[in-house]
Each structure stands twice: as C-alpha cells, then as structure tokens.
Amino acid sequence: MRRLLAAALLALVASTLTACTGGTSPSFEGFQVFEPGDRKPAPSLRGDLLDGSGAFDSTALAGKVVVVNFWGSWCGPCVGEAPELEAVYSAHKESGAAFVGVDVLDQVDNARAFARQHMTYPSIFDPSSRVALDFAVVPRAVPNTIILDRQGRIAAVARGQVYQTDLEPVVVDLLAEAG
C-alpha cells in the first residue's frame, strides 16, 4: 500500500511540474497563428492591476496589437521567458503593441516582487484564474501567450515558454496588418 501511495504521489508531483514546464519540451513549436478570416473575438480583459493602481480594461487598448501573457511567480518557464517578453515589448510599444500580463494562482506579494523585477508593462492579478478561464484557448498550465490583432481578435496562441525569436515576428506581422 505504501508503494502504491508513493507512486501516486510521485505521479502527482511529476504532472504538476510538467504542467508548469510544458513549454520547454521538444514538442513546443512556437505560435499557432490564425488567418484573419479564422480569428475569433477575444473576451474582454478586465481585472485589478497587480501594482494596486486600479482596474484594467482592455477597451483602452482598442486598435493596438495586444500580447496577453498568463504567468505565475512560481513558474520556472515564466521566469525564463520574462526577459524575452520585455525585449519585444520595449522594441515595439511605440509602434502600437501593448502587453498585459495576467498573474494566475499566485500570492500577491510574490507576484508583485516578480513583476517589479521582470516587467514594465501592466499585469492583472488573477489568483482564481477567472480572467484566464474567459480565454477558452488557454490550457491548464502556464505560461501561455495570446496575441490579439488590432480588431481585438485572437490572432496567435503559444502554449508554453516563448522566446523573442518566435514572438517578435508574429508581433511585427500583426502590426503590419491593416487596422
């Protein structure tokens, strides 16, 4: 019985770690990009900002290409991708790209420390994953990145850790699309 219990516990721990680190596996192939005619409208992105400065409402970003990154301070791949996201944000924020983080399943103090260290764009604090659940394309693990086109439609999805070399061309292509 102890061996069975130990095996079950080991499987649970392994599946938890795999969920967070899934983006670094060899099966990760970057972004799934949707043709304009196949894009679905994104749900509204609303919630309290992690820094305590008030509420966030994505309607303020109308007409922009919006990169939405779902992350957690407890997630190793989220730490790994943070400088990649920040680099693309810094390079393209003046060209009409906006970035919004959505911190899920986290403690506010840990999340705030992570954000101060790794990002200059706003993040929504979503400890219950309510915001994340509104995006039907978001799987059960983080990190996940969704890019919205200028019309507020889901244009690209990455399940797992993203890299600047994968993210930047998608953002640049979407910025070049007619608004």
N, C-alpha and C. Protein backbone atom coordinates (compact mmCIF):
# COMPACT_ATOMS: atom_id res chain seq x y z
N MET A 1 0.82 -1.19 0.00
CA MET A 1 0.00 0.00 0.00
C MET A 1 0.87 1.26 0.00
N ARG A 2 1.96 1.24 0.79
CA ARG A 2 2.85 2.40 0.82
C ARG A 2 3.47 2.67 -0.55
N ARG A 3 3.85 1.59 -1.23
CA ARG A 3 4.45 1.76 -2.56
C ARG A 3 3.45 2.36 -3.53
N LEU A 4 2.22 1.93 -3.47
CA LEU A 4 1.18 2.47 -4.33
C LEU A 4 0.95 3.94 -4.03
N LEU A 5 0.88 4.29 -2.74
CA LEU A 5 0.71 5.67 -2.34
C LEU A 5 1.90 6.52 -2.78
N ALA A 6 3.10 6.00 -2.61
CA ALA A 6 4.31 6.72 -3.03
C ALA A 6 4.32 6.93 -4.53
N ALA A 7 3.92 5.91 -5.29
CA ALA A 7 3.88 6.03 -6.74
C ALA A 7 2.85 7.06 -7.17
N ALA A 8 1.70 7.08 -6.52
CA ALA A 8 0.66 8.06 -6.84
C ALA A 8 1.13 9.48 -6.53
N LEU A 9 1.80 9.64 -5.39
CA LEU A 9 2.33 10.96 -5.02
C LEU A 9 3.38 11.41 -6.02
N LEU A 10 4.26 10.52 -6.41
CA LEU A 10 5.29 10.85 -7.39
C LEU A 10 4.67 11.25 -8.72
N ALA A 11 3.64 10.55 -9.16
CA ALA A 11 2.96 10.89 -10.41
C ALA A 11 2.30 12.25 -10.32
N LEU A 12 1.70 12.57 -9.17
CA LEU A 12 1.08 13.87 -8.98
C LEU A 12 2.11 14.98 -9.05
N VAL A 13 3.22 14.83 -8.37
CA VAL A 13 4.29 15.84 -8.40
C VAL A 13 4.82 16.00 -9.81
N ALA A 14 5.06 14.90 -10.51
CA ALA A 14 5.58 14.97 -11.87
C ALA A 14 4.61 15.68 -12.81
N SER A 15 3.31 15.40 -12.67
CA SER A 15 2.34 16.05 -13.54
C SER A 15 2.23 17.53 -13.24
N THR A 16 2.37 17.91 -11.99
CA THR A 16 2.35 19.33 -11.63
C THR A 16 3.54 20.05 -12.22
N LEU A 17 4.72 19.47 -12.09
CA LEU A 17 5.92 20.09 -12.66
C LEU A 17 5.85 20.15 -14.17
N THR A 18 5.34 19.11 -14.79
CA THR A 18 5.22 19.09 -16.23
C THR A 18 4.26 20.16 -16.72
N ALA A 19 3.18 20.41 -15.98
CA ALA A 19 2.22 21.43 -16.39
C ALA A 19 2.88 22.79 -16.46
N CYS A 20 3.71 23.10 -15.51
CA CYS A 20 4.37 24.40 -15.50
C CYS A 20 5.48 24.47 -16.52
N THR A 21 6.19 23.38 -16.72
CA THR A 21 7.35 23.43 -17.61
C THR A 21 7.05 22.92 -19.00
N GLY A 22 5.78 22.68 -19.31
CA GLY A 22 5.44 22.09 -20.61
C GLY A 22 5.99 22.84 -21.80
N GLY A 23 6.18 24.16 -21.69
CA GLY A 23 6.64 24.94 -22.82
C GLY A 23 8.08 24.69 -23.19
N THR A 24 8.85 24.07 -22.34
CA THR A 24 10.25 23.86 -22.66
C THR A 24 10.51 22.49 -23.26
N SER A 25 9.46 21.71 -23.45
CA SER A 25 9.65 20.38 -24.01
C SER A 25 9.93 20.48 -25.51
N PRO A 26 10.55 19.45 -26.09
CA PRO A 26 10.84 19.48 -27.52
C PRO A 26 9.60 19.59 -28.40
N SER A 27 8.40 19.28 -27.87
CA SER A 27 7.20 19.34 -28.68
C SER A 27 6.70 20.77 -28.88
N PHE A 28 7.23 21.73 -28.15
CA PHE A 28 6.81 23.12 -28.31
C PHE A 28 7.30 23.65 -29.65
N GLU A 29 6.38 24.13 -30.47
CA GLU A 29 6.74 24.57 -31.81
C GLU A 29 6.43 26.04 -32.03
N GLY A 30 6.36 26.84 -31.02
CA GLY A 30 6.10 28.27 -31.18
C GLY A 30 4.62 28.58 -31.21
N PHE A 31 4.28 29.55 -32.02
CA PHE A 31 2.92 30.06 -32.05
C PHE A 31 2.05 29.36 -33.08
N GLN A 32 0.80 29.20 -32.71
CA GLN A 32 -0.23 28.82 -33.67
C GLN A 32 -0.82 30.15 -34.12
N VAL A 33 -0.69 30.47 -35.39
CA VAL A 33 -1.16 31.75 -35.92
C VAL A 33 -2.40 31.48 -36.76
N PHE A 34 -3.42 32.31 -36.56
CA PHE A 34 -4.69 32.15 -37.26
C PHE A 34 -4.79 33.17 -38.40
N GLU A 35 -5.28 32.73 -39.52
CA GLU A 35 -5.55 33.63 -40.65
C GLU A 35 -6.64 34.60 -40.23
N PRO A 36 -6.66 35.82 -40.80
CA PRO A 36 -7.65 36.81 -40.38
C PRO A 36 -9.10 36.31 -40.42
N GLY A 37 -9.46 35.55 -41.42
CA GLY A 37 -10.83 35.04 -41.52
C GLY A 37 -11.18 33.98 -40.49
N ASP A 38 -10.16 33.40 -39.85
CA ASP A 38 -10.38 32.35 -38.85
C ASP A 38 -10.28 32.84 -37.41
N ARG A 39 -10.05 34.12 -37.24
CA ARG A 39 -9.86 34.66 -35.89
C ARG A 39 -11.19 34.90 -35.19
N LYS A 40 -11.21 34.56 -33.91
CA LYS A 40 -12.40 34.75 -33.07
C LYS A 40 -12.18 35.97 -32.16
N PRO A 41 -13.26 36.67 -31.85
CA PRO A 41 -13.12 37.81 -30.94
C PRO A 41 -12.62 37.35 -29.56
N ALA A 42 -11.74 38.12 -29.00
CA ALA A 42 -11.23 37.82 -27.66
C ALA A 42 -12.23 38.32 -26.62
N PRO A 43 -12.31 37.64 -25.50
CA PRO A 43 -13.15 38.17 -24.42
C PRO A 43 -12.54 39.46 -23.86
N SER A 44 -13.34 40.21 -23.18
CA SER A 44 -12.82 41.42 -22.52
C SER A 44 -11.79 41.00 -21.48
N LEU A 45 -10.81 41.82 -21.34
CA LEU A 45 -9.74 41.57 -20.38
C LEU A 45 -9.86 42.64 -19.30
N ARG A 46 -10.40 42.23 -18.16
CA ARG A 46 -10.65 43.17 -17.07
C ARG A 46 -10.19 42.56 -15.75
N GLY A 47 -9.70 43.43 -14.88
CA GLY A 47 -9.32 42.97 -13.55
C GLY A 47 -8.51 44.02 -12.83
N ASP A 48 -8.20 43.74 -11.59
CA ASP A 48 -7.41 44.67 -10.79
C ASP A 48 -5.94 44.53 -11.13
N LEU A 49 -5.29 45.68 -11.27
CA LEU A 49 -3.87 45.68 -11.59
C LEU A 49 -3.06 45.21 -10.39
N LEU A 50 -2.05 44.45 -10.67
CA LEU A 50 -1.19 43.87 -9.65
C LEU A 50 -0.52 44.93 -8.79
N ASP A 51 -0.17 46.05 -9.40
CA ASP A 51 0.53 47.10 -8.64
C ASP A 51 -0.38 47.91 -7.73
N GLY A 52 -1.69 47.59 -7.74
CA GLY A 52 -2.63 48.27 -6.86
C GLY A 52 -3.11 49.62 -7.38
N SER A 53 -2.77 49.95 -8.62
CA SER A 53 -3.11 51.26 -9.15
C SER A 53 -4.53 51.37 -9.68
N GLY A 54 -5.32 50.31 -9.58
CA GLY A 54 -6.70 50.38 -10.02
C GLY A 54 -7.08 49.22 -10.90
N ALA A 55 -8.13 49.45 -11.68
CA ALA A 55 -8.66 48.40 -12.55
C ALA A 55 -8.11 48.54 -13.96
N PHE A 56 -8.05 47.43 -14.65
CA PHE A 56 -7.61 47.39 -16.04
C PHE A 56 -8.80 46.99 -16.89
N ASP A 57 -8.93 47.64 -18.04
CA ASP A 57 -9.98 47.31 -19.00
C ASP A 57 -9.35 47.37 -20.39
N SER A 58 -9.41 46.25 -21.10
CA SER A 58 -8.75 46.16 -22.40
C SER A 58 -9.36 47.07 -23.46
N THR A 59 -10.53 47.62 -23.23
CA THR A 59 -11.10 48.53 -24.23
C THR A 59 -10.21 49.74 -24.44
N ALA A 60 -9.37 50.06 -23.46
CA ALA A 60 -8.43 51.18 -23.62
C ALA A 60 -7.34 50.86 -24.64
N LEU A 61 -7.22 49.60 -25.04
CA LEU A 61 -6.19 49.19 -25.99
C LEU A 61 -6.74 48.98 -27.40
N ALA A 62 -7.94 49.44 -27.65
CA ALA A 62 -8.56 49.27 -28.97
C ALA A 62 -7.63 49.82 -30.05
N GLY A 63 -7.48 49.05 -31.11
CA GLY A 63 -6.64 49.45 -32.24
C GLY A 63 -5.18 49.06 -32.10
N LYS A 64 -4.81 48.45 -30.99
CA LYS A 64 -3.44 48.01 -30.78
C LYS A 64 -3.34 46.49 -30.95
N VAL A 65 -2.14 46.03 -31.25
CA VAL A 65 -1.83 44.61 -31.17
C VAL A 65 -1.52 44.35 -29.70
N VAL A 66 -2.22 43.40 -29.09
CA VAL A 66 -2.09 43.18 -27.65
C VAL A 66 -1.54 41.77 -27.39
N VAL A 67 -0.43 41.72 -26.68
CA VAL A 67 0.16 40.46 -26.25
C VAL A 67 -0.29 40.23 -24.81
N VAL A 68 -1.01 39.14 -24.59
CA VAL A 68 -1.50 38.78 -23.27
C VAL A 68 -0.71 37.56 -22.81
N ASN A 69 0.01 37.72 -21.71
CA ASN A 69 0.83 36.63 -21.20
C ASN A 69 0.31 36.18 -19.84
N PHE A 70 -0.05 34.90 -19.74
CA PHE A 70 -0.51 34.31 -18.49
C PHE A 70 0.70 33.72 -17.78
N TRP A 71 0.93 34.12 -16.54
CA TRP A 71 2.16 33.74 -15.83
C TRP A 71 1.89 33.56 -14.34
N GLY A 72 2.89 33.02 -13.66
CA GLY A 72 2.87 32.89 -12.21
C GLY A 72 4.29 33.03 -11.69
N SER A 73 4.46 33.65 -10.56
CA SER A 73 5.80 33.86 -10.00
C SER A 73 6.46 32.53 -9.62
N TRP A 74 5.67 31.50 -9.42
CA TRP A 74 6.13 30.18 -9.01
C TRP A 74 6.55 29.31 -10.18
N CYS A 75 6.45 29.82 -11.39
CA CYS A 75 6.64 29.03 -12.60
C CYS A 75 8.00 29.32 -13.23
N GLY A 76 8.88 28.33 -13.26
CA GLY A 76 10.22 28.47 -13.82
C GLY A 76 10.24 28.97 -15.25
N PRO A 77 9.46 28.40 -16.17
CA PRO A 77 9.46 28.91 -17.54
C PRO A 77 8.97 30.36 -17.65
N CYS A 78 8.13 30.79 -16.71
CA CYS A 78 7.68 32.18 -16.70
C CYS A 78 8.86 33.11 -16.40
N VAL A 79 9.71 32.69 -15.50
CA VAL A 79 10.93 33.45 -15.20
C VAL A 79 11.82 33.47 -16.44
N GLY A 80 11.95 32.33 -17.11
CA GLY A 80 12.80 32.25 -18.29
C GLY A 80 12.33 33.10 -19.44
N GLU A 81 11.02 33.23 -19.62
CA GLU A 81 10.52 33.99 -20.76
C GLU A 81 10.36 35.48 -20.46
N ALA A 82 10.40 35.87 -19.21
CA ALA A 82 10.17 37.27 -18.85
C ALA A 82 11.07 38.25 -19.60
N PRO A 83 12.40 38.04 -19.68
CA PRO A 83 13.23 38.98 -20.43
C PRO A 83 12.93 38.96 -21.94
N GLU A 84 12.48 37.84 -22.45
CA GLU A 84 12.13 37.74 -23.87
C GLU A 84 10.90 38.61 -24.17
N LEU A 85 9.89 38.51 -23.32
CA LEU A 85 8.69 39.33 -23.47
C LEU A 85 9.02 40.81 -23.33
N GLU A 86 9.80 41.13 -22.32
CA GLU A 86 10.17 42.52 -22.06
C GLU A 86 10.93 43.12 -23.24
N ALA A 87 11.80 42.34 -23.87
CA ALA A 87 12.57 42.83 -25.01
C ALA A 87 11.66 43.18 -26.19
N VAL A 88 10.68 42.32 -26.46
CA VAL A 88 9.76 42.59 -27.57
C VAL A 88 8.86 43.78 -27.22
N TYR A 89 8.41 43.84 -25.99
CA TYR A 89 7.60 44.98 -25.56
C TYR A 89 8.37 46.29 -25.74
N SER A 90 9.58 46.34 -25.25
CA SER A 90 10.39 47.56 -25.34
C SER A 90 10.63 47.97 -26.79
N ALA A 91 10.82 46.99 -27.65
CA ALA A 91 11.12 47.28 -29.06
C ALA A 91 9.90 47.75 -29.85
N HIS A 92 8.68 47.39 -29.41
CA HIS A 92 7.51 47.64 -30.26
C HIS A 92 6.38 48.42 -29.59
N LYS A 93 6.56 48.87 -28.37
CA LYS A 93 5.47 49.60 -27.70
C LYS A 93 5.17 50.93 -28.39
N GLU A 94 6.16 51.55 -29.00
CA GLU A 94 5.93 52.81 -29.70
C GLU A 94 5.29 52.61 -31.07
N SER A 95 5.25 51.37 -31.55
CA SER A 95 4.68 51.05 -32.86
C SER A 95 3.25 50.55 -32.79
N GLY A 96 2.67 50.52 -31.61
CA GLY A 96 1.28 50.09 -31.47
C GLY A 96 1.09 48.74 -30.83
N ALA A 97 2.13 48.20 -30.22
CA ALA A 97 1.99 46.93 -29.49
C ALA A 97 1.82 47.22 -28.01
N ALA A 98 0.90 46.52 -27.39
CA ALA A 98 0.68 46.64 -25.95
C ALA A 98 0.83 45.25 -25.35
N PHE A 99 1.34 45.20 -24.15
CA PHE A 99 1.50 43.93 -23.43
C PHE A 99 0.73 44.02 -22.12
N VAL A 100 0.09 42.90 -21.76
CA VAL A 100 -0.61 42.80 -20.49
C VAL A 100 -0.31 41.42 -19.92
N GLY A 101 0.16 41.39 -18.70
CA GLY A 101 0.34 40.13 -18.01
C GLY A 101 -0.90 39.79 -17.23
N VAL A 102 -1.14 38.50 -17.05
CA VAL A 102 -2.22 38.03 -16.19
C VAL A 102 -1.59 37.02 -15.24
N ASP A 103 -1.44 37.42 -13.99
CA ASP A 103 -0.82 36.59 -12.97
C ASP A 103 -1.88 35.68 -12.37
N VAL A 104 -1.67 34.36 -12.50
CA VAL A 104 -2.67 33.40 -12.05
C VAL A 104 -2.15 32.56 -10.89
N LEU A 105 -3.10 32.12 -10.05
CA LEU A 105 -2.82 31.17 -8.97
C LEU A 105 -1.61 31.56 -8.15
N ASP A 106 -1.57 32.80 -7.69
CA ASP A 106 -0.37 33.33 -7.06
C ASP A 106 -0.71 34.07 -5.77
N GLN A 107 0.32 34.34 -5.01
CA GLN A 107 0.23 35.19 -3.82
C GLN A 107 0.63 36.60 -4.23
N VAL A 108 -0.08 37.59 -3.77
CA VAL A 108 0.13 38.96 -4.25
C VAL A 108 1.55 39.46 -3.99
N ASP A 109 2.14 39.18 -2.83
CA ASP A 109 3.49 39.66 -2.55
C ASP A 109 4.52 39.03 -3.49
N ASN A 110 4.40 37.74 -3.73
CA ASN A 110 5.31 37.06 -4.66
C ASN A 110 5.15 37.60 -6.07
N ALA A 111 3.91 37.80 -6.48
CA ALA A 111 3.62 38.30 -7.82
C ALA A 111 4.16 39.71 -8.01
N ARG A 112 3.96 40.56 -7.02
CA ARG A 112 4.46 41.94 -7.13
C ARG A 112 5.98 41.98 -7.22
N ALA A 113 6.65 41.16 -6.43
CA ALA A 113 8.12 41.10 -6.47
C ALA A 113 8.59 40.64 -7.85
N PHE A 114 7.93 39.63 -8.40
CA PHE A 114 8.27 39.12 -9.73
C PHE A 114 8.09 40.22 -10.78
N ALA A 115 6.94 40.89 -10.74
CA ALA A 115 6.66 41.94 -11.73
C ALA A 115 7.65 43.09 -11.63
N ARG A 116 7.99 43.51 -10.42
CA ARG A 116 8.96 44.60 -10.26
C ARG A 116 10.30 44.23 -10.87
N GLN A 117 10.67 42.99 -10.75
CA GLN A 117 11.97 42.53 -11.23
C GLN A 117 12.00 42.27 -12.74
N HIS A 118 10.87 41.86 -13.32
CA HIS A 118 10.90 41.33 -14.68
C HIS A 118 10.11 42.08 -15.73
N MET A 119 9.21 43.01 -15.38
CA MET A 119 8.37 43.59 -16.42
C MET A 119 8.03 45.05 -16.15
N THR A 120 7.88 45.79 -17.24
CA THR A 120 7.48 47.19 -17.14
C THR A 120 6.06 47.40 -17.65
N TYR A 121 5.44 46.40 -18.21
CA TYR A 121 4.06 46.51 -18.68
C TYR A 121 3.11 46.07 -17.56
N PRO A 122 1.84 46.44 -17.66
CA PRO A 122 0.90 46.13 -16.57
C PRO A 122 0.55 44.65 -16.49
N SER A 123 0.18 44.23 -15.30
CA SER A 123 -0.31 42.88 -15.08
C SER A 123 -1.57 42.92 -14.23
N ILE A 124 -2.49 42.05 -14.59
CA ILE A 124 -3.72 41.86 -13.83
C ILE A 124 -3.45 40.76 -12.81
N PHE A 125 -3.89 40.98 -11.58
CA PHE A 125 -3.78 39.96 -10.54
C PHE A 125 -5.02 39.09 -10.60
N ASP A 126 -4.84 37.81 -10.94
CA ASP A 126 -5.95 36.89 -11.17
C ASP A 126 -5.72 35.59 -10.40
N PRO A 127 -5.72 35.66 -9.04
CA PRO A 127 -5.38 34.47 -8.26
C PRO A 127 -6.35 33.30 -8.45
N SER A 128 -7.58 33.57 -8.83
CA SER A 128 -8.56 32.50 -9.02
C SER A 128 -8.61 32.01 -10.47
N SER A 129 -7.84 32.63 -11.36
CA SER A 129 -7.81 32.31 -12.79
C SER A 129 -9.13 32.62 -13.49
N ARG A 130 -9.92 33.50 -12.94
CA ARG A 130 -11.19 33.89 -13.56
C ARG A 130 -10.97 34.49 -14.94
N VAL A 131 -10.01 35.40 -15.04
CA VAL A 131 -9.70 36.04 -16.33
C VAL A 131 -9.19 34.99 -17.31
N ALA A 132 -8.31 34.12 -16.84
CA ALA A 132 -7.74 33.09 -17.70
C ALA A 132 -8.83 32.17 -18.26
N LEU A 133 -9.82 31.85 -17.45
CA LEU A 133 -10.88 30.96 -17.90
C LEU A 133 -11.75 31.57 -18.99
N ASP A 134 -11.81 32.90 -19.04
CA ASP A 134 -12.57 33.56 -20.09
C ASP A 134 -11.97 33.30 -21.48
N PHE A 135 -10.67 33.05 -21.51
CA PHE A 135 -9.99 32.75 -22.77
C PHE A 135 -10.04 31.23 -22.97
N ALA A 136 -10.97 30.77 -23.76
CA ALA A 136 -11.18 29.33 -23.95
C ALA A 136 -9.95 28.62 -24.52
N VAL A 137 -9.05 29.35 -25.17
CA VAL A 137 -7.88 28.72 -25.78
C VAL A 137 -6.76 28.50 -24.79
N VAL A 138 -6.92 28.99 -23.57
CA VAL A 138 -5.87 28.84 -22.57
C VAL A 138 -5.95 27.45 -21.96
N PRO A 139 -4.88 26.67 -22.09
CA PRO A 139 -4.89 25.36 -21.46
C PRO A 139 -4.69 25.48 -19.95
N ARG A 140 -4.52 24.35 -19.28
CA ARG A 140 -4.49 24.31 -17.83
C ARG A 140 -3.16 24.69 -17.21
N ALA A 141 -2.18 25.08 -17.95
CA ALA A 141 -0.87 25.36 -17.39
C ALA A 141 -0.35 26.70 -17.87
N VAL A 142 0.62 27.24 -17.18
CA VAL A 142 1.28 28.47 -17.61
C VAL A 142 2.75 28.15 -17.84
N PRO A 143 3.43 28.96 -18.60
CA PRO A 143 2.98 30.18 -19.25
C PRO A 143 2.20 29.91 -20.54
N ASN A 144 1.41 30.88 -20.89
CA ASN A 144 0.65 30.89 -22.14
C ASN A 144 0.63 32.32 -22.64
N THR A 145 0.70 32.46 -23.95
CA THR A 145 0.69 33.80 -24.54
C THR A 145 -0.32 33.82 -25.68
N ILE A 146 -1.16 34.84 -25.66
CA ILE A 146 -2.16 35.03 -26.70
C ILE A 146 -1.93 36.42 -27.28
N ILE A 147 -1.96 36.52 -28.60
CA ILE A 147 -1.78 37.82 -29.24
C ILE A 147 -3.07 38.18 -29.96
N LEU A 148 -3.55 39.38 -29.67
CA LEU A 148 -4.77 39.89 -30.28
C LEU A 148 -4.40 40.86 -31.40
N ASP A 149 -5.13 40.79 -32.49
CA ASP A 149 -4.89 41.73 -33.58
C ASP A 149 -5.54 43.08 -33.26
N ARG A 150 -5.39 44.02 -34.17
CA ARG A 150 -5.91 45.38 -33.93
C ARG A 150 -7.43 45.43 -33.80
N GLN A 151 -8.12 44.39 -34.26
CA GLN A 151 -9.57 44.32 -34.13
C GLN A 151 -10.00 43.58 -32.87
N GLY A 152 -9.06 43.21 -32.03
CA GLY A 152 -9.39 42.53 -30.78
C GLY A 152 -9.71 41.05 -30.94
N ARG A 153 -9.20 40.45 -32.02
CA ARG A 153 -9.44 39.03 -32.27
C ARG A 153 -8.18 38.23 -31.91
N ILE A 154 -8.38 36.98 -31.53
CA ILE A 154 -7.25 36.11 -31.19
C ILE A 154 -6.54 35.74 -32.48
N ALA A 155 -5.31 36.24 -32.63
CA ALA A 155 -4.54 36.04 -33.85
C ALA A 155 -3.47 34.97 -33.71
N ALA A 156 -2.99 34.75 -32.49
CA ALA A 156 -1.92 33.76 -32.29
C ALA A 156 -1.95 33.28 -30.84
N VAL A 157 -1.53 32.02 -30.66
CA VAL A 157 -1.50 31.41 -29.33
C VAL A 157 -0.21 30.61 -29.20
N ALA A 158 0.44 30.75 -28.06
CA ALA A 158 1.60 29.92 -27.74
C ALA A 158 1.34 29.25 -26.41
N ARG A 159 1.43 27.96 -26.40
CA ARG A 159 1.26 27.20 -25.16
C ARG A 159 2.65 26.83 -24.66
N GLY A 160 3.10 27.50 -23.65
CA GLY A 160 4.43 27.24 -23.10
C GLY A 160 5.31 28.47 -23.21
N GLN A 161 6.55 28.29 -22.87
CA GLN A 161 7.52 29.38 -22.83
C GLN A 161 7.75 29.94 -24.22
N VAL A 162 7.78 31.28 -24.33
CA VAL A 162 8.04 31.93 -25.60
C VAL A 162 9.43 32.56 -25.60
N TYR A 163 9.94 32.72 -26.79
CA TYR A 163 11.26 33.31 -26.99
C TYR A 163 11.12 34.49 -27.92
N GLN A 164 11.99 35.47 -27.76
CA GLN A 164 11.95 36.67 -28.58
C GLN A 164 11.97 36.32 -30.06
N THR A 165 12.77 35.36 -30.45
CA THR A 165 12.89 34.99 -31.86
C THR A 165 11.60 34.43 -32.45
N ASP A 166 10.72 33.90 -31.61
CA ASP A 166 9.41 33.42 -32.06
C ASP A 166 8.34 34.49 -31.94
N LEU A 167 8.38 35.24 -30.86
CA LEU A 167 7.35 36.24 -30.57
C LEU A 167 7.45 37.46 -31.48
N GLU A 168 8.64 37.97 -31.65
CA GLU A 168 8.80 39.24 -32.38
C GLU A 168 8.27 39.20 -33.81
N PRO A 169 8.54 38.15 -34.60
CA PRO A 169 7.99 38.14 -35.98
C PRO A 169 6.47 38.14 -36.01
N VAL A 170 5.84 37.49 -35.05
CA VAL A 170 4.38 37.46 -35.01
C VAL A 170 3.86 38.86 -34.70
N VAL A 171 4.46 39.52 -33.73
CA VAL A 171 4.04 40.89 -33.38
C VAL A 171 4.27 41.83 -34.56
N VAL A 172 5.41 41.74 -35.20
CA VAL A 172 5.73 42.61 -36.33
C VAL A 172 4.73 42.39 -37.47
N ASP A 173 4.42 41.13 -37.78
CA ASP A 173 3.44 40.84 -38.84
C ASP A 173 2.07 41.41 -38.51
N LEU A 174 1.64 41.27 -37.25
CA LEU A 174 0.34 41.79 -36.86
C LEU A 174 0.31 43.32 -36.87
N LEU A 175 1.42 43.93 -36.49
CA LEU A 175 1.49 45.39 -36.55
C LEU A 175 1.40 45.88 -38.00
N ALA A 176 1.88 45.10 -38.94
CA ALA A 176 1.86 45.48 -40.36
C ALA A 176 0.50 45.30 -41.01
N GLU A 177 -0.39 44.51 -40.39
CA GLU A 177 -1.72 44.31 -40.93
C GLU A 177 -2.50 45.62 -40.89
N ALA A 178 -3.38 45.77 -41.86
CA ALA A 178 -4.24 46.96 -41.87
C ALA A 178 -5.17 46.93 -40.67
N GLY A 179 -5.37 48.09 -40.07
CA GLY A 179 -6.23 48.18 -38.88
C GLY A 179 -7.61 48.36 -39.27
